[in-house]
Amino acid sequence: GSLDPRQTVARIVAEPLAAQGEGSRSVLHDAA
């Protein structure tokens, strides 16, 4: 229940970084 079934794993894992406003989409994908 803690993982959004509509999002890819990359978006799920990188979500805290995105909330901090860090990096482009490719950077977030690589971090994930």
PDB file of all heavy atoms in Angstrom:
ATOM      1  N   GLY A   1       0.784  -1.227   0.000  1.00  0.00           N
ATOM      2  CA  GLY A   1       0.000   0.000   0.000  1.00  0.00           C
ATOM      3  C   GLY A   1       0.814   1.275   0.000  1.00  0.00           C
ATOM      4  O   GLY A   1       0.267   2.359  -0.252  1.00  0.00           O
ATOM      5  N   SER A   2       2.113   1.193   0.289  1.00  0.00           N
ATOM      6  CA  SER A   2       2.919   2.412   0.404  1.00  0.00           C
ATOM      7  C   SER A   2       3.543   2.851  -0.915  1.00  0.00           C
ATOM      8  O   SER A   2       4.184   3.892  -0.969  1.00  0.00           O
ATOM      9  CB  SER A   2       4.033   2.213   1.442  1.00  0.00           C
ATOM     10  OG  SER A   2       4.920   1.186   1.041  1.00  0.00           O
ATOM     11  N   LEU A   3       3.377   2.060  -1.973  1.00  0.00           N
ATOM     12  CA  LEU A   3       3.916   2.412  -3.286  1.00  0.00           C
ATOM     13  C   LEU A   3       2.764   2.690  -4.244  1.00  0.00           C
ATOM     14  O   LEU A   3       1.843   1.880  -4.362  1.00  0.00           O
ATOM     15  CB  LEU A   3       4.790   1.279  -3.838  1.00  0.00           C
ATOM     16  CG  LEU A   3       5.930   0.775  -2.938  1.00  0.00           C
ATOM     17  CD1 LEU A   3       6.702  -0.331  -3.639  1.00  0.00           C
ATOM     18  CD2 LEU A   3       6.853   1.906  -2.543  1.00  0.00           C
ATOM     19  N   ASP A   4       2.814   3.825  -4.934  1.00  0.00           N
ATOM     20  CA  ASP A   4       1.756   4.211  -5.870  1.00  0.00           C
ATOM     21  C   ASP A   4       1.786   3.280  -7.087  1.00  0.00           C
ATOM     22  O   ASP A   4       2.774   3.261  -7.834  1.00  0.00           O
ATOM     23  CB  ASP A   4       1.976   5.660  -6.316  1.00  0.00           C
ATOM     24  CG  ASP A   4       0.799   6.208  -7.111  1.00  0.00           C
ATOM     25  OD1 ASP A   4       0.019   5.405  -7.667  1.00  0.00           O
ATOM     26  OD2 ASP A   4       0.673   7.449  -7.191  1.00  0.00           O
ATOM     27  N   PRO A   5       0.724   2.488  -7.320  1.00  0.00           N
ATOM     28  CA  PRO A   5       0.742   1.527  -8.428  1.00  0.00           C
ATOM     29  C   PRO A   5       0.739   2.179  -9.806  1.00  0.00           C
ATOM     30  O   PRO A   5       1.031   1.522 -10.803  1.00  0.00           O
ATOM     31  CB  PRO A   5      -0.536   0.714  -8.204  1.00  0.00           C
ATOM     32  CG  PRO A   5      -1.452   1.631  -7.464  1.00  0.00           C
ATOM     33  CD  PRO A   5      -0.551   2.452  -6.574  1.00  0.00           C
ATOM     34  N   ARG A   6       0.440   3.480  -9.879  1.00  0.00           N
ATOM     35  CA  ARG A   6       0.362   4.159 -11.175  1.00  0.00           C
ATOM     36  C   ARG A   6       1.690   4.773 -11.596  1.00  0.00           C
ATOM     37  O   ARG A   6       1.797   5.277 -12.709  1.00  0.00           O
ATOM     38  CB  ARG A   6      -0.708   5.255 -11.113  1.00  0.00           C
ATOM     39  CG  ARG A   6      -2.111   4.738 -10.833  1.00  0.00           C
ATOM     40  CD  ARG A   6      -3.045   5.866 -10.480  1.00  0.00           C
ATOM     41  NE  ARG A   6      -2.619   6.542  -9.247  1.00  0.00           N
ATOM     42  CZ  ARG A   6      -3.235   7.600  -8.726  1.00  0.00           C
ATOM     43  NH1 ARG A   6      -4.304   8.099  -9.338  1.00  0.00           N
ATOM     44  NH2 ARG A   6      -2.808   8.156  -7.612  1.00  0.00           N
ATOM     45  N   GLN A   7       2.679   4.742 -10.719  1.00  0.00           N
ATOM     46  CA  GLN A   7       3.963   5.360 -11.026  1.00  0.00           C
ATOM     47  C   GLN A   7       5.033   4.301 -11.220  1.00  0.00           C
ATOM     48  O   GLN A   7       4.978   3.214 -10.633  1.00  0.00           O
ATOM     49  CB  GLN A   7       4.381   6.314  -9.905  1.00  0.00           C
ATOM     50  CG  GLN A   7       3.486   7.526  -9.768  1.00  0.00           C
ATOM     51  CD  GLN A   7       4.049   8.527  -8.775  1.00  0.00           C
ATOM     52  OE1 GLN A   7       5.089   8.307  -8.177  1.00  0.00           O
ATOM     53  NE2 GLN A   7       3.348   9.641  -8.606  1.00  0.00           N
ATOM     54  N   THR A   8       6.015   4.618 -12.025  1.00  0.00           N
ATOM     55  CA  THR A   8       7.147   3.715 -12.186  1.00  0.00           C
ATOM     56  C   THR A   8       7.981   3.718 -10.912  1.00  0.00           C
ATOM     57  O   THR A   8       7.913   4.650 -10.092  1.00  0.00           O
ATOM     58  CB  THR A   8       8.029   4.143 -13.362  1.00  0.00           C
ATOM     59  OG1 THR A   8       8.610   5.425 -13.071  1.00  0.00           O
ATOM     60  CG2 THR A   8       7.237   4.201 -14.654  1.00  0.00           C
ATOM     61  N   VAL A   9       8.795   2.681 -10.779  1.00  0.00           N
ATOM     62  CA  VAL A   9       9.662   2.588  -9.613  1.00  0.00           C
ATOM     63  C   VAL A   9      10.631   3.765  -9.571  1.00  0.00           C
ATOM     64  O   VAL A   9      10.957   4.286  -8.497  1.00  0.00           O
ATOM     65  CB  VAL A   9      10.413   1.243  -9.638  1.00  0.00           C
ATOM     66  CG1 VAL A   9      11.530   1.207  -8.609  1.00  0.00           C
ATOM     67  CG2 VAL A   9       9.436   0.099  -9.397  1.00  0.00           C
ATOM     68  N   ALA A  10      11.092   4.217 -10.739  1.00  0.00           N
ATOM     69  CA  ALA A  10      12.011   5.357 -10.770  1.00  0.00           C
ATOM     70  C   ALA A  10      11.374   6.596 -10.155  1.00  0.00           C
ATOM     71  O   ALA A  10      12.004   7.305  -9.351  1.00  0.00           O
ATOM     72  CB  ALA A  10      12.432   5.644 -12.213  1.00  0.00           C
ATOM     73  N   ARG A  11      10.130   6.876 -10.488  1.00  0.00           N
ATOM     74  CA  ARG A  11       9.458   8.048  -9.931  1.00  0.00           C
ATOM     75  C   ARG A  11       9.189   7.874  -8.439  1.00  0.00           C
ATOM     76  O   ARG A  11       9.267   8.837  -7.676  1.00  0.00           O
ATOM     77  CB  ARG A  11       8.146   8.308 -10.678  1.00  0.00           C
ATOM     78  CG  ARG A  11       8.332   8.768 -12.115  1.00  0.00           C
ATOM     79  CD  ARG A  11       7.044   9.319 -12.678  1.00  0.00           C
ATOM     80  NE  ARG A  11       6.600  10.506 -11.954  1.00  0.00           N
ATOM     81  CZ  ARG A  11       5.473  11.169 -12.220  1.00  0.00           C
ATOM     82  NH1 ARG A  11       4.677  10.739 -13.206  1.00  0.00           N
ATOM     83  NH2 ARG A  11       5.141  12.234 -11.537  1.00  0.00           N
ATOM     84  N   ILE A  12       8.859   6.656  -8.029  1.00  0.00           N
ATOM     85  CA  ILE A  12       8.603   6.397  -6.620  1.00  0.00           C
ATOM     86  C   ILE A  12       9.868   6.621  -5.794  1.00  0.00           C
ATOM     87  O   ILE A  12       9.850   7.307  -4.763  1.00  0.00           O
ATOM     88  CB  ILE A  12       8.083   4.960  -6.430  1.00  0.00           C
ATOM     89  CG1 ILE A  12       6.679   4.815  -7.020  1.00  0.00           C
ATOM     90  CG2 ILE A  12       8.097   4.569  -4.953  1.00  0.00           C
ATOM     91  CD1 ILE A  12       6.176   3.394  -7.072  1.00  0.00           C
ATOM     92  N   VAL A  13      10.980   6.030  -6.237  1.00  0.00           N
ATOM     93  CA  VAL A  13      12.226   6.126  -5.475  1.00  0.00           C
ATOM     94  C   VAL A  13      12.748   7.560  -5.459  1.00  0.00           C
ATOM     95  O   VAL A  13      13.263   8.038  -4.441  1.00  0.00           O
ATOM     96  CB  VAL A  13      13.281   5.160  -6.053  1.00  0.00           C
ATOM     97  CG1 VAL A  13      14.643   5.376  -5.403  1.00  0.00           C
ATOM     98  CG2 VAL A  13      12.827   3.718  -5.864  1.00  0.00           C
ATOM     99  N   ALA A  14      12.613   8.273  -6.576  1.00  0.00           N
ATOM    100  CA  ALA A  14      13.147   9.636  -6.674  1.00  0.00           C
ATOM    101  C   ALA A  14      12.210  10.690  -6.104  1.00  0.00           C
ATOM    102  O   ALA A  14      12.571  11.878  -6.080  1.00  0.00           O
ATOM    103  CB  ALA A  14      13.457   9.964  -8.134  1.00  0.00           C
ATOM    104  N   GLU A  15      11.040  10.285  -5.629  1.00  0.00           N
ATOM    105  CA  GLU A  15      10.060  11.266  -5.151  1.00  0.00           C
ATOM    106  C   GLU A  15      10.608  12.189  -4.064  1.00  0.00           C
ATOM    107  O   GLU A  15      10.366  13.407  -4.103  1.00  0.00           O
ATOM    108  CB  GLU A  15       8.809  10.537  -4.655  1.00  0.00           C
ATOM    109  CG  GLU A  15       7.699  11.465  -4.208  1.00  0.00           C
ATOM    110  CD  GLU A  15       6.464  10.702  -3.769  1.00  0.00           C
ATOM    111  OE1 GLU A  15       6.524   9.464  -3.692  1.00  0.00           O
ATOM    112  OE2 GLU A  15       5.447  11.362  -3.498  1.00  0.00           O
ATOM    113  N   PRO A  16      11.351  11.693  -3.049  1.00  0.00           N
ATOM    114  CA  PRO A  16      11.889  12.629  -2.046  1.00  0.00           C
ATOM    115  C   PRO A  16      12.842  13.654  -2.641  1.00  0.00           C
ATOM    116  O   PRO A  16      12.858  14.814  -2.207  1.00  0.00           O
ATOM    117  CB  PRO A  16      12.614  11.695  -1.059  1.00  0.00           C
ATOM    118  CG  PRO A  16      11.931  10.374  -1.210  1.00  0.00           C
ATOM    119  CD  PRO A  16      11.601  10.287  -2.668  1.00  0.00           C
ATOM    120  N   LEU A  17      13.644  13.251  -3.635  1.00  0.00           N
ATOM    121  CA  LEU A  17      14.534  14.209  -4.300  1.00  0.00           C
ATOM    122  C   LEU A  17      13.730  15.238  -5.072  1.00  0.00           C
ATOM    123  O   LEU A  17      14.049  16.436  -5.079  1.00  0.00           O
ATOM    124  CB  LEU A  17      15.495  13.483  -5.231  1.00  0.00           C
ATOM    125  CG  LEU A  17      16.634  12.698  -4.589  1.00  0.00           C
ATOM    126  CD1 LEU A  17      17.441  11.977  -5.665  1.00  0.00           C
ATOM    127  CD2 LEU A  17      17.521  13.605  -3.762  1.00  0.00           C
ATOM    128  N   ALA A  18      12.673  14.788  -5.763  1.00  0.00           N
ATOM    129  CA  ALA A  18      11.830  15.711  -6.515  1.00  0.00           C
ATOM    130  C   ALA A  18      11.169  16.724  -5.582  1.00  0.00           C
ATOM    131  O   ALA A  18      11.029  17.906  -5.928  1.00  0.00           O
ATOM    132  CB  ALA A  18      10.782  14.931  -7.299  1.00  0.00           C
ATOM    133  N   ALA A  19      10.772  16.264  -4.386  1.00  0.00           N
ATOM    134  CA  ALA A  19      10.154  17.180  -3.418  1.00  0.00           C
ATOM    135  C   ALA A  19      11.136  18.238  -2.942  1.00  0.00           C
ATOM    136  O   ALA A  19      10.729  19.347  -2.556  1.00  0.00           O
ATOM    137  CB  ALA A  19       9.613  16.391  -2.230  1.00  0.00           C
ATOM    138  N   GLN A  20      12.426  17.896  -2.972  1.00  0.00           N
ATOM    139  CA  GLN A  20      13.454  18.862  -2.603  1.00  0.00           C
ATOM    140  C   GLN A  20      13.822  19.773  -3.771  1.00  0.00           C
ATOM    141  O   GLN A  20      14.620  20.698  -3.620  1.00  0.00           O
ATOM    142  CB  GLN A  20      14.717  18.121  -2.132  1.00  0.00           C
ATOM    143  CG  GLN A  20      14.539  17.281  -0.885  1.00  0.00           C
ATOM    144  CD  GLN A  20      14.369  18.113   0.371  1.00  0.00           C
ATOM    145  OE1 GLN A  20      14.967  19.175   0.490  1.00  0.00           O
ATOM    146  NE2 GLN A  20      13.547  17.661   1.293  1.00  0.00           N
ATOM    147  N   GLY A  21      13.264  19.509  -4.972  1.00  0.00           N
ATOM    148  CA  GLY A  21      13.566  20.313  -6.146  1.00  0.00           C
ATOM    149  C   GLY A  21      14.944  20.073  -6.706  1.00  0.00           C
ATOM    150  O   GLY A  21      15.563  20.986  -7.269  1.00  0.00           O
ATOM    151  N   GLU A  22      15.432  18.840  -6.563  1.00  0.00           N
ATOM    152  CA  GLU A  22      16.801  18.531  -6.975  1.00  0.00           C
ATOM    153  C   GLU A  22      16.818  17.759  -8.292  1.00  0.00           C
ATOM    154  O   GLU A  22      16.250  16.674  -8.383  1.00  0.00           O
ATOM    155  CB  GLU A  22      17.509  17.705  -5.894  1.00  0.00           C
ATOM    156  CG  GLU A  22      17.659  18.436  -4.565  1.00  0.00           C
ATOM    157  CD  GLU A  22      18.462  17.624  -3.575  1.00  0.00           C
ATOM    158  OE1 GLU A  22      19.110  16.655  -4.000  1.00  0.00           O
ATOM    159  OE2 GLU A  22      18.428  17.960  -2.383  1.00  0.00           O
ATOM    160  N   GLY A  23      17.472  18.320  -9.318  1.00  0.00           N
ATOM    161  CA  GLY A  23      17.791  17.574 -10.519  1.00  0.00           C
ATOM    162  C   GLY A  23      16.704  17.534 -11.568  1.00  0.00           C
ATOM    163  O   GLY A  23      15.515  17.689 -11.302  1.00  0.00           O
ATOM    164  N   SER A  24      17.151  17.278 -12.794  1.00  0.00           N
ATOM    165  CA  SER A  24      16.254  17.083 -13.920  1.00  0.00           C
ATOM    166  C   SER A  24      15.687  15.671 -13.880  1.00  0.00           C
ATOM    167  O   SER A  24      16.052  14.848 -13.038  1.00  0.00           O
ATOM    168  CB  SER A  24      17.011  17.295 -15.228  1.00  0.00           C
ATOM    169  OG  SER A  24      18.053  16.331 -15.345  1.00  0.00           O
ATOM    170  N   ARG A  25      14.790  15.362 -14.832  1.00  0.00           N
ATOM    171  CA  ARG A  25      14.185  14.040 -14.878  1.00  0.00           C
ATOM    172  C   ARG A  25      15.241  12.946 -15.065  1.00  0.00           C
ATOM    173  O   ARG A  25      15.182  11.906 -14.428  1.00  0.00           O
ATOM    174  CB  ARG A  25      13.146  13.982 -15.988  1.00  0.00           C
ATOM    175  CG  ARG A  25      12.476  12.621 -16.115  1.00  0.00           C
ATOM    176  CD  ARG A  25      11.375  12.637 -17.150  1.00  0.00           C
ATOM    177  NE  ARG A  25      10.315  13.566 -16.792  1.00  0.00           N
ATOM    178  CZ  ARG A  25       9.213  13.738 -17.520  1.00  0.00           C
ATOM    179  NH1 ARG A  25       9.051  13.063 -18.657  1.00  0.00           N
ATOM    180  NH2 ARG A  25       8.282  14.590 -17.135  1.00  0.00           N
ATOM    181  N   SER A  26      16.214  13.197 -15.919  1.00  0.00           N
ATOM    182  CA  SER A  26      17.249  12.184 -16.153  1.00  0.00           C
ATOM    183  C   SER A  26      18.128  12.002 -14.924  1.00  0.00           C
ATOM    184  O   SER A  26      18.534  10.880 -14.598  1.00  0.00           O
ATOM    185  CB  SER A  26      18.100  12.582 -17.361  1.00  0.00           C
ATOM    186  OG  SER A  26      18.764  13.812 -17.135  1.00  0.00           O
ATOM    187  N   VAL A  27      18.418  13.090 -14.238  1.00  0.00           N
ATOM    188  CA  VAL A  27      19.222  12.987 -13.017  1.00  0.00           C
ATOM    189  C   VAL A  27      18.472  12.188 -11.948  1.00  0.00           C
ATOM    190  O   VAL A  27      19.041  11.332 -11.265  1.00  0.00           O
ATOM    191  CB  VAL A  27      19.590  14.388 -12.498  1.00  0.00           C
ATOM    192  CG1 VAL A  27      20.218  14.301 -11.100  1.00  0.00           C
ATOM    193  CG2 VAL A  27      20.549  15.070 -13.456  1.00  0.00           C
ATOM    194  N   LEU A  28      17.188  12.458 -11.803  1.00  0.00           N
ATOM    195  CA  LEU A  28      16.379  11.731 -10.826  1.00  0.00           C
ATOM    196  C   LEU A  28      16.302  10.248 -11.196  1.00  0.00           C
ATOM    197  O   LEU A  28      16.371   9.371 -10.317  1.00  0.00           O
ATOM    198  CB  LEU A  28      14.979  12.335 -10.752  1.00  0.00           C
ATOM    199  CG  LEU A  28      14.882  13.772 -10.219  1.00  0.00           C
ATOM    200  CD1 LEU A  28      13.441  14.254 -10.253  1.00  0.00           C
ATOM    201  CD2 LEU A  28      15.431  13.868  -8.800  1.00  0.00           C
ATOM    202  N   HIS A  29      16.154   9.956 -12.481  1.00  0.00           N
ATOM    203  CA  HIS A  29      16.089   8.558 -12.922  1.00  0.00           C
ATOM    204  C   HIS A  29      17.393   7.847 -12.612  1.00  0.00           C
ATOM    205  O   HIS A  29      17.392   6.707 -12.114  1.00  0.00           O
ATOM    206  CB  HIS A  29      15.794   8.507 -14.416  1.00  0.00           C
ATOM    207  CG  HIS A  29      15.529   7.124 -14.930  1.00  0.00           C
ATOM    208  ND1 HIS A  29      16.541   6.217 -15.192  1.00  0.00           N
ATOM    209  CD2 HIS A  29      14.355   6.478 -15.229  1.00  0.00           C
ATOM    210  CE1 HIS A  29      16.027   5.091 -15.621  1.00  0.00           C
ATOM    211  NE2 HIS A  29      14.701   5.221 -15.671  1.00  0.00           N
ATOM    212  N   ASP A  30      18.525   8.498 -12.851  1.00  0.00           N
ATOM    213  CA  ASP A  30      19.819   7.878 -12.566  1.00  0.00           C
ATOM    214  C   ASP A  30      20.008   7.657 -11.066  1.00  0.00           C
ATOM    215  O   ASP A  30      20.544   6.629 -10.644  1.00  0.00           O
ATOM    216  CB  ASP A  30      20.947   8.749 -13.108  1.00  0.00           C
ATOM    217  CG  ASP A  30      20.989   8.765 -14.631  1.00  0.00           C
ATOM    218  OD1 ASP A  30      20.356   7.884 -15.244  1.00  0.00           O
ATOM    219  OD2 ASP A  30      21.632   9.673 -15.194  1.00  0.00           O
ATOM    220  N   ALA A  31      19.559   8.617 -10.254  1.00  0.00           N
ATOM    221  CA  ALA A  31      19.675   8.469  -8.801  1.00  0.00           C
ATOM    222  C   ALA A  31      18.836   7.293  -8.308  1.00  0.00           C
ATOM    223  O   ALA A  31      19.268   6.522  -7.444  1.00  0.00           O
ATOM    224  CB  ALA A  31      19.240   9.756  -8.109  1.00  0.00           C
ATOM    225  N   ALA A  32      17.631   7.147  -8.881  1.00  0.00           N
ATOM    226  CA  ALA A  32      16.778   6.021  -8.500  1.00  0.00           C
ATOM    227  C   ALA A  32      17.426   4.700  -8.899  1.00  0.00           C
ATOM    228  O   ALA A  32      17.407   3.730  -8.117  1.00  0.00           O
ATOM    229  CB  ALA A  32      15.406   6.163  -9.149  1.00  0.00           C
TER     230      ALA A  32
END
